[in-house]
Amino acid sequence: MPVAEPSGEYQVDLSVDLSPIYGKIEDRQTIAISRPPADILERRLAECASDDAAARRRAAQDLAYFKDDGERVFPALIRCLDDADEGVRSAAVYSMGRYPEQIAEHPEAMIRVLGDERLDASRRGYAAYLLSEHGPLTEPARAALSAAKERASDDDRSRFASALERFEERAKARAAGGR
């Protein structure tokens, strides 16, 4: 996961296969980048519609690294949520976490993930966290978090309960004049 540096650059663990973007990379090598090349964005957006599930998965993963292009990337990630391949859907949810502004503008994407029983509980839990942290404080968001908590297995219920508690804390803070 990229880590922001004070210079505005990101330290990126490139153990995932980003070598097509940056050339030959040794395992676990970390390099500083300010932004991936623009032509790579176009390729990754196109690969989201590829016939090859591995290419779609890789594209959904790589789209996490285009923070400055969230308005173009996020709709592609939303489309990835409809993919037949669970790996593509899972990668899309992970990448969406890099775009908090778009989550605030498009909470329906996270609400949709919460109800997608095809995704494992950890990804739905991550979506719950993202919605509770960055989503708008609306009744549909609250209802979706509550429903996800009720549907969850006993083992997974705590992650959804935590997200709902965080949502309620934010709502109380806003009512009191905070964020």
C-alpha atoms as a PDB file:
ATOM      1  CA  MET A   1       0.000   0.000   0.000  1.00  0.00           C
ATOM      2  CA  PRO A   2       1.470   3.414  -0.898  1.00  0.00           C
ATOM      3  CA  VAL A   3       2.642   5.598   1.961  1.00  0.00           C
ATOM      4  CA  ALA A   4       2.556   9.355   1.442  1.00  0.00           C
ATOM      5  CA  GLU A   5       5.858  11.093   2.025  1.00  0.00           C
ATOM      6  CA  PRO A   6       6.134  14.770   3.031  1.00  0.00           C
ATOM      7  CA  SER A   7       7.446  15.520  -0.467  1.00  0.00           C
ATOM      8  CA  GLY A   8       4.124  14.423  -1.985  1.00  0.00           C
ATOM      9  CA  GLU A   9       5.712  11.298  -3.422  1.00  0.00           C
ATOM     10  CA  TYR A  10       4.575   7.830  -2.491  1.00  0.00           C
ATOM     11  CA  GLN A  11       6.608   4.900  -1.306  1.00  0.00           C
ATOM     12  CA  VAL A  12       5.032   1.916  -3.017  1.00  0.00           C
ATOM     13  CA  ASP A  13       5.655  -1.743  -2.263  1.00  0.00           C
ATOM     14  CA  LEU A  14       5.769  -3.116  -5.778  1.00  0.00           C
ATOM     15  CA  SER A  15       5.589  -6.761  -4.813  1.00  0.00           C
ATOM     16  CA  VAL A  16       2.313  -6.791  -6.735  1.00  0.00           C
ATOM     17  CA  ASP A  17       2.950  -6.970 -10.430  1.00  0.00           C
ATOM     18  CA  LEU A  18       3.331  -3.339 -11.442  1.00  0.00           C
ATOM     19  CA  SER A  19       6.428  -4.132 -13.474  1.00  0.00           C
ATOM     20  CA  PRO A  20       4.631  -3.307 -16.750  1.00  0.00           C
ATOM     21  CA  ILE A  21       4.391   0.244 -15.418  1.00  0.00           C
ATOM     22  CA  TYR A  22       7.850   0.658 -13.921  1.00  0.00           C
ATOM     23  CA  GLY A  23      10.016  -1.895 -15.717  1.00  0.00           C
ATOM     24  CA  LYS A  24      11.818  -4.854 -14.168  1.00  0.00           C
ATOM     25  CA  ILE A  25      11.478  -4.751 -10.412  1.00  0.00           C
ATOM     26  CA  GLU A  26      13.077  -6.944  -7.792  1.00  0.00           C
ATOM     27  CA  ASP A  27      10.747  -8.512  -5.221  1.00  0.00           C
ATOM     28  CA  ARG A  28       9.892  -6.169  -2.346  1.00  0.00           C
ATOM     29  CA  GLN A  29      11.808  -3.299  -3.905  1.00  0.00           C
ATOM     30  CA  THR A  30      10.389   0.080  -2.932  1.00  0.00           C
ATOM     31  CA  ILE A  31      10.681   3.050  -5.261  1.00  0.00           C
ATOM     32  CA  ALA A  32       9.479   6.632  -5.025  1.00  0.00           C
ATOM     33  CA  ILE A  33       6.920   7.740  -7.568  1.00  0.00           C
ATOM     34  CA  SER A  34       4.949  10.921  -7.830  1.00  0.00           C
ATOM     35  CA  ARG A  35       2.376   9.626 -10.292  1.00  0.00           C
ATOM     36  CA  PRO A  36       2.153   6.664 -12.649  1.00  0.00           C
ATOM     37  CA  PRO A  37       2.507   7.573 -16.341  1.00  0.00           C
ATOM     38  CA  ALA A  38      -0.736   8.764 -18.006  1.00  0.00           C
ATOM     39  CA  ASP A  39      -0.634   6.139 -20.750  1.00  0.00           C
ATOM     40  CA  ILE A  40      -0.735   3.436 -18.077  1.00  0.00           C
ATOM     41  CA  LEU A  41      -3.993   4.841 -16.750  1.00  0.00           C
ATOM     42  CA  GLU A  42      -5.547   4.529 -20.201  1.00  0.00           C
ATOM     43  CA  ARG A  43      -4.326   0.943 -20.509  1.00  0.00           C
ATOM     44  CA  ARG A  44      -5.613  -0.035 -17.065  1.00  0.00           C
ATOM     45  CA  LEU A  45      -9.008   1.530 -17.737  1.00  0.00           C
ATOM     46  CA  ALA A  46      -9.213  -0.417 -21.011  1.00  0.00           C
ATOM     47  CA  GLU A  47      -8.078  -3.636 -19.313  1.00  0.00           C
ATOM     48  CA  CYS A  48     -11.047  -3.412 -16.938  1.00  0.00           C
ATOM     49  CA  ALA A  49     -13.128  -4.563 -19.923  1.00  0.00           C
ATOM     50  CA  SER A  50     -10.696  -7.285 -21.071  1.00  0.00           C
ATOM     51  CA  ASP A  51     -11.851 -10.847 -21.742  1.00  0.00           C
ATOM     52  CA  ASP A  52      -9.006 -12.025 -19.495  1.00  0.00           C
ATOM     53  CA  ALA A  53      -9.978 -12.164 -15.802  1.00  0.00           C
ATOM     54  CA  ALA A  54      -6.330 -11.907 -14.691  1.00  0.00           C
ATOM     55  CA  ALA A  55      -5.917  -8.694 -16.715  1.00  0.00           C
ATOM     56  CA  ARG A  56      -9.113  -7.265 -15.221  1.00  0.00           C
ATOM     57  CA  ARG A  57      -7.926  -8.164 -11.698  1.00  0.00           C
ATOM     58  CA  ARG A  58      -4.534  -6.572 -12.302  1.00  0.00           C
ATOM     59  CA  ALA A  59      -6.187  -3.453 -13.731  1.00  0.00           C
ATOM     60  CA  ALA A  60      -8.544  -3.138 -10.745  1.00  0.00           C
ATOM     61  CA  GLN A  61      -5.558  -3.501  -8.380  1.00  0.00           C
ATOM     62  CA  ASP A  62      -3.415  -1.003 -10.262  1.00  0.00           C
ATOM     63  CA  LEU A  63      -6.176   1.619 -10.338  1.00  0.00           C
ATOM     64  CA  ALA A  64      -5.483   2.195  -6.632  1.00  0.00           C
ATOM     65  CA  TYR A  65      -2.395   4.177  -7.674  1.00  0.00           C
ATOM     66  CA  PHE A  66      -4.065   6.956  -9.679  1.00  0.00           C
ATOM     67  CA  LYS A  67      -5.307   9.167  -6.824  1.00  0.00           C
ATOM     68  CA  ASP A  68      -5.211  12.329  -8.915  1.00  0.00           C
ATOM     69  CA  ASP A  69      -7.590  10.763 -11.424  1.00  0.00           C
ATOM     70  CA  GLY A  70     -10.328   9.632  -9.061  1.00  0.00           C
ATOM     71  CA  GLU A  71     -13.119  11.122 -11.165  1.00  0.00           C
ATOM     72  CA  ARG A  72     -12.099   8.824 -14.045  1.00  0.00           C
ATOM     73  CA  VAL A  73     -10.983   5.820 -12.025  1.00  0.00           C
ATOM     74  CA  PHE A  74     -13.856   5.459  -9.573  1.00  0.00           C
ATOM     75  CA  PRO A  75     -16.567   4.871 -12.215  1.00  0.00           C
ATOM     76  CA  ALA A  76     -14.380   2.115 -13.723  1.00  0.00           C
ATOM     77  CA  LEU A  77     -14.040   0.530 -10.290  1.00  0.00           C
ATOM     78  CA  ILE A  78     -17.805   0.702  -9.825  1.00  0.00           C
ATOM     79  CA  ARG A  79     -18.214  -1.180 -13.120  1.00  0.00           C
ATOM     80  CA  CYS A  80     -15.730  -3.786 -11.834  1.00  0.00           C
ATOM     81  CA  LEU A  81     -18.169  -4.542  -9.011  1.00  0.00           C
ATOM     82  CA  ASP A  82     -20.360  -6.264 -11.640  1.00  0.00           C
ATOM     83  CA  ASP A  83     -17.566  -8.566 -12.791  1.00  0.00           C
ATOM     84  CA  ALA A  84     -18.217 -12.311 -12.677  1.00  0.00           C
ATOM     85  CA  ASP A  85     -14.753 -12.871 -11.176  1.00  0.00           C
ATOM     86  CA  GLU A  86     -14.613 -12.463  -7.382  1.00  0.00           C
ATOM     87  CA  GLY A  87     -10.957 -11.425  -7.604  1.00  0.00           C
ATOM     88  CA  VAL A  88     -11.861  -8.474  -9.821  1.00  0.00           C
ATOM     89  CA  ARG A  89     -14.676  -7.391  -7.479  1.00  0.00           C
ATOM     90  CA  SER A  90     -12.412  -7.792  -4.458  1.00  0.00           C
ATOM     91  CA  ALA A  91      -9.592  -5.781  -6.058  1.00  0.00           C
ATOM     92  CA  ALA A  92     -12.069  -3.055  -6.997  1.00  0.00           C
ATOM     93  CA  VAL A  93     -13.235  -2.720  -3.385  1.00  0.00           C
ATOM     94  CA  TYR A  94      -9.633  -2.496  -2.178  1.00  0.00           C
ATOM     95  CA  SER A  95      -8.793   0.166  -4.776  1.00  0.00           C
ATOM     96  CA  MET A  96     -11.912   2.177  -3.956  1.00  0.00           C
ATOM     97  CA  GLY A  97     -10.464   2.708  -0.506  1.00  0.00           C
ATOM     98  CA  ARG A  98      -7.844   4.981  -2.056  1.00  0.00           C
ATOM     99  CA  TYR A  99     -10.556   7.440  -3.191  1.00  0.00           C
ATOM    100  CA  PRO A 100     -12.305   8.845  -0.090  1.00  0.00           C
ATOM    101  CA  GLU A 101     -13.676  11.868  -1.956  1.00  0.00           C
ATOM    102  CA  GLN A 102     -15.407   9.625  -4.463  1.00  0.00           C
ATOM    103  CA  ILE A 103     -16.782   7.415  -1.674  1.00  0.00           C
ATOM    104  CA  ALA A 104     -18.347  10.553  -0.192  1.00  0.00           C
ATOM    105  CA  GLU A 105     -19.855  11.431  -3.584  1.00  0.00           C
ATOM    106  CA  HIS A 106     -20.912   7.881  -4.523  1.00  0.00           C
ATOM    107  CA  PRO A 107     -21.844   6.070  -1.296  1.00  0.00           C
ATOM    108  CA  GLU A 108     -24.149   3.808  -3.292  1.00  0.00           C
ATOM    109  CA  ALA A 109     -21.052   1.886  -4.423  1.00  0.00           C
ATOM    110  CA  MET A 110     -20.141   0.967  -0.836  1.00  0.00           C
ATOM    111  CA  ILE A 111     -23.785   0.280   0.018  1.00  0.00           C
ATOM    112  CA  ARG A 112     -23.895  -2.093  -2.946  1.00  0.00           C
ATOM    113  CA  VAL A 113     -20.759  -3.901  -1.774  1.00  0.00           C
ATOM    114  CA  LEU A 114     -22.275  -4.357   1.690  1.00  0.00           C
ATOM    115  CA  GLY A 115     -25.100  -6.348   0.124  1.00  0.00           C
ATOM    116  CA  ASP A 116     -22.936  -8.392  -2.260  1.00  0.00           C
ATOM    117  CA  GLU A 117     -22.881 -11.821  -0.638  1.00  0.00           C
ATOM    118  CA  ARG A 118     -20.559 -13.026  -3.424  1.00  0.00           C
ATOM    119  CA  LEU A 119     -17.748 -11.069  -1.762  1.00  0.00           C
ATOM    120  CA  ASP A 120     -16.117 -12.432   1.351  1.00  0.00           C
ATOM    121  CA  ALA A 121     -16.859 -10.854   4.713  1.00  0.00           C
ATOM    122  CA  SER A 122     -13.472  -9.140   4.911  1.00  0.00           C
ATOM    123  CA  ARG A 123     -14.145  -7.121   1.729  1.00  0.00           C
ATOM    124  CA  ARG A 124     -17.693  -6.304   2.818  1.00  0.00           C
ATOM    125  CA  GLY A 125     -16.243  -5.310   6.202  1.00  0.00           C
ATOM    126  CA  TYR A 126     -13.734  -3.057   4.469  1.00  0.00           C
ATOM    127  CA  ALA A 127     -16.586  -1.445   2.531  1.00  0.00           C
ATOM    128  CA  ALA A 128     -18.428  -0.939   5.834  1.00  0.00           C
ATOM    129  CA  TYR A 129     -15.349   0.764   7.261  1.00  0.00           C
ATOM    130  CA  LEU A 130     -14.984   2.989   4.184  1.00  0.00           C
ATOM    131  CA  LEU A 131     -18.647   3.966   4.282  1.00  0.00           C
ATOM    132  CA  SER A 132     -18.521   4.679   8.019  1.00  0.00           C
ATOM    133  CA  GLU A 133     -15.347   6.743   7.681  1.00  0.00           C
ATOM    134  CA  HIS A 134     -15.875   8.615   4.392  1.00  0.00           C
ATOM    135  CA  GLY A 135     -19.512   8.213   3.391  1.00  0.00           C
ATOM    136  CA  PRO A 136     -22.206  10.803   3.893  1.00  0.00           C
ATOM    137  CA  LEU A 137     -24.143  10.615   7.142  1.00  0.00           C
ATOM    138  CA  THR A 138     -27.435   9.641   5.542  1.00  0.00           C
ATOM    139  CA  GLU A 139     -30.206   7.297   6.558  1.00  0.00           C
ATOM    140  CA  PRO A 140     -29.598   4.947   3.568  1.00  0.00           C
ATOM    141  CA  ALA A 141     -25.959   4.566   4.636  1.00  0.00           C
ATOM    142  CA  ARG A 142     -26.960   3.933   8.249  1.00  0.00           C
ATOM    143  CA  ALA A 143     -29.601   1.403   7.154  1.00  0.00           C
ATOM    144  CA  ALA A 144     -27.111  -0.422   4.909  1.00  0.00           C
ATOM    145  CA  LEU A 145     -24.556  -0.675   7.724  1.00  0.00           C
ATOM    146  CA  SER A 146     -27.218  -1.895  10.141  1.00  0.00           C
ATOM    147  CA  ALA A 147     -28.517  -4.492   7.662  1.00  0.00           C
ATOM    148  CA  ALA A 148     -24.977  -5.735   6.967  1.00  0.00           C
ATOM    149  CA  LYS A 149     -24.443  -6.162  10.708  1.00  0.00           C
ATOM    150  CA  GLU A 150     -27.685  -8.123  11.058  1.00  0.00           C
ATOM    151  CA  ARG A 151     -26.884 -10.404   8.097  1.00  0.00           C
ATOM    152  CA  ALA A 152     -23.314 -11.103   9.201  1.00  0.00           C
ATOM    153  CA  SER A 153     -22.306 -14.373  10.772  1.00  0.00           C
ATOM    154  CA  ASP A 154     -21.455 -14.370  14.461  1.00  0.00           C
ATOM    155  CA  ASP A 155     -17.747 -14.427  13.553  1.00  0.00           C
ATOM    156  CA  ASP A 156     -18.023 -11.372  11.291  1.00  0.00           C
ATOM    157  CA  ARG A 157     -20.634  -9.294  13.104  1.00  0.00           C
ATOM    158  CA  SER A 158     -18.064  -7.316  15.121  1.00  0.00           C
ATOM    159  CA  ARG A 159     -16.480  -5.715  12.037  1.00  0.00           C
ATOM    160  CA  PHE A 160     -19.877  -4.423  10.906  1.00  0.00           C
ATOM    161  CA  ALA A 161     -20.815  -3.358  14.436  1.00  0.00           C
ATOM    162  CA  SER A 162     -17.574  -1.346  14.655  1.00  0.00           C
ATOM    163  CA  ALA A 163     -18.333   0.402  11.379  1.00  0.00           C
ATOM    164  CA  LEU A 164     -21.858   1.230  12.528  1.00  0.00           C
ATOM    165  CA  GLU A 165     -20.495   2.602  15.816  1.00  0.00           C
ATOM    166  CA  ARG A 166     -18.017   4.797  13.905  1.00  0.00           C
ATOM    167  CA  PHE A 167     -20.824   6.056  11.681  1.00  0.00           C
ATOM    168  CA  GLU A 168     -22.902   6.932  14.772  1.00  0.00           C
ATOM    169  CA  GLU A 169     -19.897   8.701  16.370  1.00  0.00           C
ATOM    170  CA  ARG A 170     -19.467  10.820  13.235  1.00  0.00           C
ATOM    171  CA  ALA A 171     -23.188  11.631  13.207  1.00  0.00           C
ATOM    172  CA  LYS A 172     -23.068  12.706  16.863  1.00  0.00           C
ATOM    173  CA  ALA A 173     -19.964  14.826  16.230  1.00  0.00           C
ATOM    174  CA  ARG A 174     -21.652  16.522  13.294  1.00  0.00           C
ATOM    175  CA  ALA A 175     -24.776  17.199  15.365  1.00  0.00           C
ATOM    176  CA  ALA A 176     -22.540  18.734  18.028  1.00  0.00           C
ATOM    177  CA  GLY A 177     -20.914  20.990  15.428  1.00  0.00           C
ATOM    178  CA  GLY A 178     -17.879  18.872  14.520  1.00  0.00           C
ATOM    179  CA  ARG A 179     -16.855  17.108  11.294  1.00  0.00           C
END
